[in-house]
Each structure stands twice: as C-alpha cells, then as structure tokens.
C-alpha cells in the first residue's frame, strides 16, 4: 500500500497536487478550462501509474490513458469500466499546453468529471483518502 511504498506515495502526492490545480483553475473568476483539463489528465495519469507501480509494473513514458488503463485492467479487471473516461481524457494531455484546437467549456467540464471518476476508483484501490 502507498504508506509502505515511498515511490507510490510520491505519485499519489503529485496526482493530488494536479487535482488541487484543477480545483483552483475552475474557481477563478474566469476559469481556465483547457489548462484545468490538462491537469485533470495529469492527475488521472499519475493515479494510474501509482497503481501500476504498486503492482510491480515498470514505468513507461506514455500519456495515453487508454494504454495505461489496459495495463491496469491486467491487475484489476473491474477498472475496465473506466475505458470511456480514459478515451475521453487522453486528448487533454495536449490541451492547455499547445495552441491547437480550442476546446469548449462543456467538453472540458466533461473531461474533468471523467478524471474525477478515475481518481475516485484508483484512490479506493490504493487505499488513499484525500
């Protein structure tokens, strides 16, 4: 569990730091939705990597949440229910970082909600309570 694994605990801390940024950016008088969505993606990615490392997985550098989730499902088939959320959130690895296509506020809010569902499921499996 994370309390006995410093590296897993560090991944969780960083995931939670990204989540705090999501909350702060949403609370601004003029919310920064695309940047909040990027940090939502980052939080989900770091939770997935914490779970995978906790289970003995060797870190690989990827930002594709569908690939990471596929690896996670190998350890816990119940996580397959997050596949739609992972697909929805994956493009936000770039949103907010690069001036590509503008993303609507509602699309960003939906991505943030997907990240929250991912966060919740991985917190349960890592026995972490924010």
N, C-alpha and C. Protein backbone atom coordinates (compact mmCIF):
# COMPACT_ATOMS: atom_id res chain seq x y z
N UNK A 1 0.85 -1.18 0.00
CA UNK A 1 0.00 0.00 0.00
C UNK A 1 0.89 1.25 0.00
N UNK A 2 0.34 2.38 -0.37
CA UNK A 2 1.15 3.58 -0.54
C UNK A 2 1.93 3.99 0.71
N UNK A 3 1.36 3.74 1.88
CA UNK A 3 2.05 4.17 3.09
C UNK A 3 3.38 3.45 3.27
N UNK A 4 3.49 2.23 2.74
CA UNK A 4 4.73 1.48 2.88
C UNK A 4 5.62 1.60 1.64
N UNK A 5 5.18 2.31 0.63
CA UNK A 5 5.96 2.47 -0.60
C UNK A 5 6.13 3.95 -0.89
N UNK A 6 7.30 4.48 -0.60
CA UNK A 6 7.51 5.92 -0.81
C UNK A 6 7.28 6.36 -2.25
N UNK A 7 7.67 5.56 -3.24
CA UNK A 7 7.51 5.99 -4.63
C UNK A 7 6.03 6.04 -5.02
N UNK A 8 5.25 5.09 -4.56
CA UNK A 8 3.81 5.12 -4.84
C UNK A 8 3.19 6.33 -4.14
N UNK A 9 3.60 6.58 -2.92
CA UNK A 9 3.11 7.75 -2.20
C UNK A 9 3.45 9.05 -2.91
N UNK A 10 4.63 9.11 -3.52
CA UNK A 10 5.03 10.31 -4.25
C UNK A 10 4.17 10.50 -5.50
N UNK A 11 3.87 9.41 -6.20
CA UNK A 11 2.98 9.51 -7.37
C UNK A 11 1.61 10.01 -6.94
N UNK A 12 1.10 9.51 -5.82
CA UNK A 12 -0.21 9.96 -5.33
C UNK A 12 -0.15 11.43 -4.95
N UNK A 13 0.91 11.84 -4.28
CA UNK A 13 1.04 13.25 -3.90
C UNK A 13 1.01 14.14 -5.13
N UNK A 14 1.74 13.74 -6.15
CA UNK A 14 1.77 14.55 -7.37
C UNK A 14 0.42 14.55 -8.08
N UNK A 15 -0.28 13.41 -8.04
CA UNK A 15 -1.63 13.35 -8.62
C UNK A 15 -2.56 14.30 -7.88
N UNK A 16 -2.44 14.32 -6.56
CA UNK A 16 -3.28 15.21 -5.75
C UNK A 16 -2.90 16.68 -5.97
N UNK A 17 -1.62 16.97 -6.16
CA UNK A 17 -1.21 18.34 -6.46
C UNK A 17 -1.84 18.81 -7.77
N UNK A 18 -1.84 17.93 -8.79
CA UNK A 18 -2.51 18.29 -10.05
C UNK A 18 -4.00 18.51 -9.81
N UNK A 19 -4.61 17.67 -8.98
CA UNK A 19 -6.04 17.82 -8.71
C UNK A 19 -6.34 19.14 -8.01
N UNK A 20 -5.47 19.56 -7.11
CA UNK A 20 -5.64 20.86 -6.45
C UNK A 20 -5.59 22.00 -7.47
N UNK A 21 -4.70 21.87 -8.45
CA UNK A 21 -4.62 22.88 -9.51
C UNK A 21 -5.91 22.92 -10.31
N UNK A 22 -6.49 21.75 -10.59
CA UNK A 22 -7.78 21.69 -11.30
C UNK A 22 -8.82 22.50 -10.53
N UNK A 23 -8.89 22.28 -9.23
CA UNK A 23 -9.88 22.97 -8.41
C UNK A 23 -9.64 24.48 -8.40
N UNK A 24 -8.39 24.89 -8.30
CA UNK A 24 -8.06 26.32 -8.28
C UNK A 24 -8.40 26.98 -9.61
N UNK A 25 -8.08 26.32 -10.73
CA UNK A 25 -8.33 26.91 -12.03
C UNK A 25 -9.82 27.01 -12.35
N UNK A 26 -10.60 26.10 -11.83
CA UNK A 26 -12.05 26.15 -12.01
C UNK A 26 -12.68 27.27 -11.19
N UNK A 27 -12.05 27.60 -10.07
CA UNK A 27 -12.62 28.58 -9.14
C UNK A 27 -12.29 30.03 -9.51
N UNK A 28 -11.45 30.23 -10.50
CA UNK A 28 -11.10 31.59 -10.91
C UNK A 28 -12.32 32.33 -11.44
N UNK A 29 -12.35 33.65 -11.32
CA UNK A 29 -13.47 34.41 -11.89
C UNK A 29 -13.68 34.11 -13.38
N UNK A 30 -12.59 33.89 -14.10
CA UNK A 30 -12.65 33.44 -15.49
C UNK A 30 -11.87 32.13 -15.56
N UNK A 31 -12.56 31.00 -15.31
CA UNK A 31 -11.86 29.71 -15.23
C UNK A 31 -11.03 29.41 -16.47
N UNK A 32 -9.91 28.77 -16.23
CA UNK A 32 -9.01 28.36 -17.31
C UNK A 32 -9.29 26.88 -17.60
N UNK A 33 -10.33 26.63 -18.38
CA UNK A 33 -10.84 25.28 -18.58
C UNK A 33 -9.85 24.35 -19.25
N UNK A 34 -9.22 24.80 -20.33
CA UNK A 34 -8.29 23.91 -21.04
C UNK A 34 -7.11 23.53 -20.16
N UNK A 35 -6.59 24.47 -19.41
CA UNK A 35 -5.46 24.16 -18.53
C UNK A 35 -5.91 23.28 -17.38
N UNK A 36 -7.11 23.52 -16.86
CA UNK A 36 -7.66 22.65 -15.81
C UNK A 36 -7.82 21.23 -16.33
N UNK A 37 -8.27 21.10 -17.58
CA UNK A 37 -8.44 19.77 -18.18
C UNK A 37 -7.10 19.06 -18.36
N UNK A 38 -6.07 19.81 -18.71
CA UNK A 38 -4.73 19.23 -18.82
C UNK A 38 -4.30 18.66 -17.46
N UNK A 39 -4.49 19.42 -16.40
CA UNK A 39 -4.10 18.95 -15.07
C UNK A 39 -5.00 17.81 -14.59
N UNK A 40 -6.25 17.78 -15.04
CA UNK A 40 -7.12 16.64 -14.73
C UNK A 40 -6.55 15.39 -15.37
N UNK A 41 -6.12 15.50 -16.62
CA UNK A 41 -5.47 14.37 -17.30
C UNK A 41 -4.24 13.94 -16.53
N UNK A 42 -3.42 14.90 -16.12
CA UNK A 42 -2.19 14.59 -15.40
C UNK A 42 -2.48 13.86 -14.09
N UNK A 43 -3.51 14.29 -13.38
CA UNK A 43 -3.87 13.63 -12.13
C UNK A 43 -4.28 12.18 -12.38
N UNK A 44 -5.11 11.97 -13.38
CA UNK A 44 -5.55 10.61 -13.72
C UNK A 44 -4.35 9.75 -14.12
N UNK A 45 -3.48 10.30 -14.95
CA UNK A 45 -2.30 9.56 -15.40
C UNK A 45 -1.43 9.14 -14.21
N UNK A 46 -1.22 10.05 -13.29
CA UNK A 46 -0.36 9.76 -12.14
C UNK A 46 -1.01 8.75 -11.19
N UNK A 47 -2.33 8.80 -11.05
CA UNK A 47 -3.01 7.77 -10.25
C UNK A 47 -2.85 6.40 -10.90
N UNK A 48 -2.99 6.35 -12.22
CA UNK A 48 -2.83 5.06 -12.91
C UNK A 48 -1.41 4.54 -12.74
N UNK A 49 -0.44 5.41 -12.89
CA UNK A 49 0.95 4.98 -12.74
C UNK A 49 1.25 4.57 -11.31
N UNK A 50 0.67 5.25 -10.33
CA UNK A 50 0.85 4.84 -8.92
C UNK A 50 0.32 3.43 -8.72
N UNK A 51 -0.87 3.16 -9.26
CA UNK A 51 -1.47 1.84 -9.14
C UNK A 51 -0.60 0.78 -9.81
N UNK A 52 -0.13 1.09 -10.99
CA UNK A 52 0.68 0.13 -11.74
C UNK A 52 2.01 -0.15 -11.03
N UNK A 53 2.66 0.89 -10.56
CA UNK A 53 3.93 0.72 -9.84
C UNK A 53 3.69 -0.06 -8.55
N UNK A 54 2.60 0.23 -7.88
CA UNK A 54 2.23 -0.51 -6.67
C UNK A 54 2.13 -2.01 -6.95
N UNK A 55 1.73 -2.34 -8.17
CA UNK A 55 1.56 -3.74 -8.56
C UNK A 55 2.79 -4.33 -9.25
N UNK A 56 3.92 -3.61 -9.22
CA UNK A 56 5.16 -4.15 -9.74
C UNK A 56 5.47 -3.82 -11.19
N UNK A 57 4.68 -2.97 -11.79
CA UNK A 57 4.86 -2.57 -13.19
C UNK A 57 6.09 -1.69 -13.33
N UNK A 58 6.81 -1.85 -14.42
CA UNK A 58 7.95 -0.99 -14.71
C UNK A 58 7.48 0.25 -15.45
N UNK A 59 7.84 1.39 -14.96
CA UNK A 59 7.40 2.66 -15.52
C UNK A 59 7.74 2.76 -17.00
N UNK A 60 6.73 3.19 -17.77
CA UNK A 60 6.99 3.52 -19.17
C UNK A 60 6.45 4.92 -19.41
N UNK A 61 7.13 5.64 -20.25
CA UNK A 61 6.75 7.03 -20.51
C UNK A 61 5.67 7.08 -21.57
N UNK A 62 4.48 7.31 -21.13
CA UNK A 62 3.34 7.46 -22.03
C UNK A 62 2.33 8.37 -21.35
N UNK A 63 1.56 9.06 -22.17
CA UNK A 63 0.48 9.90 -21.65
C UNK A 63 -0.87 9.39 -22.13
N UNK A 64 -0.87 8.25 -22.80
CA UNK A 64 -2.09 7.67 -23.35
C UNK A 64 -2.80 6.88 -22.25
N UNK A 65 -3.89 7.45 -21.76
CA UNK A 65 -4.60 6.82 -20.65
C UNK A 65 -5.27 5.51 -21.05
N UNK A 66 -5.61 5.36 -22.32
CA UNK A 66 -6.21 4.09 -22.73
C UNK A 66 -5.18 2.96 -22.65
N UNK A 67 -3.94 3.26 -23.01
CA UNK A 67 -2.88 2.26 -22.88
C UNK A 67 -2.60 1.94 -21.41
N UNK A 68 -2.52 2.99 -20.61
CA UNK A 68 -2.26 2.77 -19.18
C UNK A 68 -3.40 1.97 -18.54
N UNK A 69 -4.63 2.31 -18.91
CA UNK A 69 -5.76 1.59 -18.33
C UNK A 69 -5.73 0.12 -18.73
N UNK A 70 -5.35 -0.14 -19.96
CA UNK A 70 -5.24 -1.53 -20.41
C UNK A 70 -4.27 -2.29 -19.50
N UNK A 71 -3.16 -1.68 -19.16
CA UNK A 71 -2.21 -2.31 -18.24
C UNK A 71 -2.83 -2.48 -16.85
N UNK A 72 -3.58 -1.48 -16.40
CA UNK A 72 -4.23 -1.54 -15.09
C UNK A 72 -5.24 -2.68 -15.03
N UNK A 73 -6.00 -2.87 -16.10
CA UNK A 73 -7.02 -3.91 -16.15
C UNK A 73 -6.37 -5.29 -16.01
N UNK A 74 -5.13 -5.41 -16.40
CA UNK A 74 -4.40 -6.66 -16.21
C UNK A 74 -4.24 -7.02 -14.73
N UNK A 75 -4.29 -6.03 -13.88
CA UNK A 75 -4.18 -6.24 -12.43
C UNK A 75 -5.54 -6.24 -11.74
N UNK A 76 -6.51 -5.53 -12.34
CA UNK A 76 -7.84 -5.42 -11.73
C UNK A 76 -8.86 -5.23 -12.86
N UNK A 77 -9.55 -6.30 -13.22
CA UNK A 77 -10.49 -6.25 -14.34
C UNK A 77 -11.65 -5.28 -14.11
N UNK A 78 -11.93 -4.95 -12.87
CA UNK A 78 -13.00 -4.01 -12.56
C UNK A 78 -12.74 -2.61 -13.09
N UNK A 79 -11.49 -2.32 -13.39
CA UNK A 79 -11.14 -1.00 -13.90
C UNK A 79 -11.55 -0.80 -15.35
N UNK A 80 -11.95 -1.86 -16.02
CA UNK A 80 -12.39 -1.76 -17.42
C UNK A 80 -13.56 -0.79 -17.56
N UNK A 81 -14.30 -0.58 -16.49
CA UNK A 81 -15.44 0.34 -16.53
C UNK A 81 -15.00 1.79 -16.77
N UNK A 82 -13.70 2.06 -16.66
CA UNK A 82 -13.19 3.41 -16.87
C UNK A 82 -12.70 3.65 -18.30
N UNK A 83 -12.97 2.72 -19.19
CA UNK A 83 -12.42 2.85 -20.55
C UNK A 83 -12.95 4.09 -21.28
N UNK A 84 -14.22 4.38 -21.17
CA UNK A 84 -14.76 5.57 -21.84
C UNK A 84 -14.15 6.85 -21.25
N UNK A 85 -13.99 6.88 -19.94
CA UNK A 85 -13.38 8.04 -19.29
C UNK A 85 -11.94 8.21 -19.74
N UNK A 86 -11.22 7.12 -19.87
CA UNK A 86 -9.82 7.19 -20.31
C UNK A 86 -9.72 7.70 -21.74
N UNK A 87 -10.60 7.21 -22.60
CA UNK A 87 -10.61 7.67 -24.00
C UNK A 87 -10.94 9.16 -24.08
N UNK A 88 -11.91 9.59 -23.29
CA UNK A 88 -12.32 10.99 -23.30
C UNK A 88 -11.19 11.91 -22.82
N UNK A 89 -10.47 11.47 -21.83
CA UNK A 89 -9.47 12.32 -21.18
C UNK A 89 -8.12 12.34 -21.89
N UNK A 90 -7.79 11.29 -22.63
CA UNK A 90 -6.46 11.19 -23.26
C UNK A 90 -6.08 12.41 -24.10
N UNK A 91 -6.95 12.97 -24.93
CA UNK A 91 -6.53 14.12 -25.75
C UNK A 91 -6.11 15.35 -24.94
N UNK A 92 -6.49 15.39 -23.67
CA UNK A 92 -6.16 16.55 -22.85
C UNK A 92 -4.71 16.54 -22.37
N UNK A 93 -3.95 15.53 -22.77
CA UNK A 93 -2.51 15.56 -22.50
C UNK A 93 -1.88 16.75 -23.23
N UNK A 94 -2.53 17.19 -24.31
CA UNK A 94 -2.03 18.33 -25.09
C UNK A 94 -2.83 19.61 -24.86
N UNK A 95 -4.10 19.49 -24.56
CA UNK A 95 -4.94 20.69 -24.36
C UNK A 95 -4.37 21.52 -23.23
N UNK A 96 -4.29 22.78 -23.42
CA UNK A 96 -3.77 23.68 -22.40
C UNK A 96 -2.27 23.85 -22.49
N UNK A 97 -1.60 22.96 -23.23
CA UNK A 97 -0.14 23.07 -23.38
C UNK A 97 0.23 23.68 -24.72
N UNK A 98 -0.58 23.38 -25.72
CA UNK A 98 -0.25 23.83 -27.06
C UNK A 98 -1.46 24.52 -27.68
N UNK A 99 -1.22 25.56 -28.46
CA UNK A 99 -2.35 26.26 -29.10
C UNK A 99 -2.86 25.48 -30.31
N UNK A 100 -3.58 24.41 -30.03
CA UNK A 100 -4.13 23.60 -31.12
C UNK A 100 -5.56 24.05 -31.36
N UNK A 101 -6.49 23.16 -31.29
CA UNK A 101 -7.89 23.49 -31.48
C UNK A 101 -8.50 23.89 -30.15
N UNK A 102 -9.26 24.96 -30.16
CA UNK A 102 -9.93 25.40 -28.93
C UNK A 102 -10.94 24.33 -28.50
N UNK A 103 -11.06 24.16 -27.20
CA UNK A 103 -11.96 23.16 -26.63
C UNK A 103 -13.03 23.90 -25.85
N UNK A 104 -14.28 23.48 -25.99
CA UNK A 104 -15.37 24.18 -25.32
C UNK A 104 -15.34 23.95 -23.81
N UNK A 105 -15.96 24.86 -23.10
CA UNK A 105 -16.07 24.75 -21.65
C UNK A 105 -16.77 23.45 -21.25
N UNK A 106 -17.84 23.11 -21.94
CA UNK A 106 -18.59 21.89 -21.59
C UNK A 106 -17.76 20.63 -21.83
N UNK A 107 -16.94 20.62 -22.89
CA UNK A 107 -16.06 19.48 -23.15
C UNK A 107 -15.02 19.36 -22.04
N UNK A 108 -14.49 20.49 -21.61
CA UNK A 108 -13.51 20.49 -20.52
C UNK A 108 -14.14 20.01 -19.22
N UNK A 109 -15.35 20.49 -18.93
CA UNK A 109 -16.03 20.06 -17.71
C UNK A 109 -16.29 18.55 -17.73
N UNK A 110 -16.65 18.03 -18.88
CA UNK A 110 -16.88 16.59 -19.01
C UNK A 110 -15.58 15.81 -18.78
N UNK A 111 -14.47 16.32 -19.32
CA UNK A 111 -13.17 15.67 -19.12
C UNK A 111 -12.77 15.69 -17.65
N UNK A 112 -13.02 16.79 -16.98
CA UNK A 112 -12.70 16.90 -15.56
C UNK A 112 -13.54 15.91 -14.75
N UNK A 113 -14.80 15.76 -15.11
CA UNK A 113 -15.66 14.78 -14.44
C UNK A 113 -15.14 13.36 -14.67
N UNK A 114 -14.65 13.08 -15.88
CA UNK A 114 -14.07 11.76 -16.17
C UNK A 114 -12.84 11.53 -15.29
N UNK A 115 -12.01 12.55 -15.16
CA UNK A 115 -10.81 12.43 -14.31
C UNK A 115 -11.19 12.20 -12.86
N UNK A 116 -12.27 12.83 -12.43
CA UNK A 116 -12.70 12.63 -11.04
C UNK A 116 -13.14 11.18 -10.81
N UNK A 117 -13.82 10.60 -11.77
CA UNK A 117 -14.22 9.19 -11.64
C UNK A 117 -13.00 8.28 -11.60
N UNK A 118 -12.02 8.57 -12.45
CA UNK A 118 -10.78 7.79 -12.45
C UNK A 118 -10.08 7.94 -11.11
N UNK A 119 -9.95 9.16 -10.65
CA UNK A 119 -9.30 9.45 -9.37
C UNK A 119 -9.95 8.67 -8.24
N UNK A 120 -11.26 8.69 -8.19
CA UNK A 120 -12.00 8.01 -7.13
C UNK A 120 -11.74 6.51 -7.14
N UNK A 121 -11.78 5.88 -8.30
CA UNK A 121 -11.57 4.44 -8.38
C UNK A 121 -10.15 4.04 -7.98
N UNK A 122 -9.18 4.83 -8.39
CA UNK A 122 -7.80 4.49 -8.03
C UNK A 122 -7.50 4.79 -6.57
N UNK A 123 -8.13 5.80 -6.02
CA UNK A 123 -7.96 6.05 -4.59
C UNK A 123 -8.45 4.85 -3.77
N UNK A 124 -9.58 4.27 -4.18
CA UNK A 124 -10.10 3.10 -3.49
C UNK A 124 -9.09 1.96 -3.55
N UNK A 125 -8.54 1.73 -4.71
CA UNK A 125 -7.64 0.59 -4.89
C UNK A 125 -6.28 0.80 -4.23
N UNK A 126 -5.92 2.05 -4.05
CA UNK A 126 -4.64 2.37 -3.38
C UNK A 126 -4.84 2.66 -1.90
N UNK A 127 -6.09 2.52 -1.44
CA UNK A 127 -6.43 2.79 -0.05
C UNK A 127 -5.97 4.19 0.37
N UNK A 128 -6.26 5.16 -0.52
CA UNK A 128 -5.89 6.55 -0.24
C UNK A 128 -7.17 7.35 -0.10
N UNK A 129 -7.20 8.17 0.92
CA UNK A 129 -8.37 9.03 1.18
C UNK A 129 -7.91 10.46 1.29
N UNK A 130 -8.33 11.27 0.34
CA UNK A 130 -7.92 12.68 0.32
C UNK A 130 -8.56 13.45 1.46
